[in-house]
Amino acid sequence: MDAIAARIFLPEVIFLPGESNPDRLDDSLRTGCFVAGEENWLALAAIQRMVEPHPPGCLTLFGPPGSGKTHLLGVLCRLWKEIWPGCSVISLPASEYRQAFVEAITSRHTLTSRRSWEDADLVVLDDLQFLAGYPAAQEELVALLHAAERGKP
């Protein structure tokens, strides 16, 4: 863990040796902080990779509720804006993405909507499980991911 902690320098991160137990932290440490332990260091390393030059085109964080995924995504967005001021960041829950997609279809502005997503420098969607049962929104997300893999048009 020490080598990992030395390599990864992110604000709002507390490194605990061994197994982390957020219930043992006092409130001043718990609020606004991500507790990095043995079980989630890989997610933290992935976030670090996303703020380095030439980040990968896609990152998916998967884990049980309460493991810090949403918090790490928030840290990623803040760091991205600090490192690359003026960049375009879209960050929202997948349920809002789904709603925006439905509104774009209803108003017949899907191309305009797609272009705004493709033009963003960073797109962060949280809680992807809320796209289950919405195949059209899933297909649109896959198209967005393919566009990210190809690079911006």
Foldseek 3Di string as FASTA:
>chain_A
DVVLVVVQDFPQEDEDEADDDLVPDDPVNNPSHQYDYPVCSVVSVLLSQQLDPPRDLDDDDDDDPPNCPVSSVVSSVVSNCVSPPPAFEAEDEVVVLVVVCVVCVVVVNNVVVLLVLLRGPYYHYPDVVVCPPPVVSVVSVVVSSVSSNVHRD
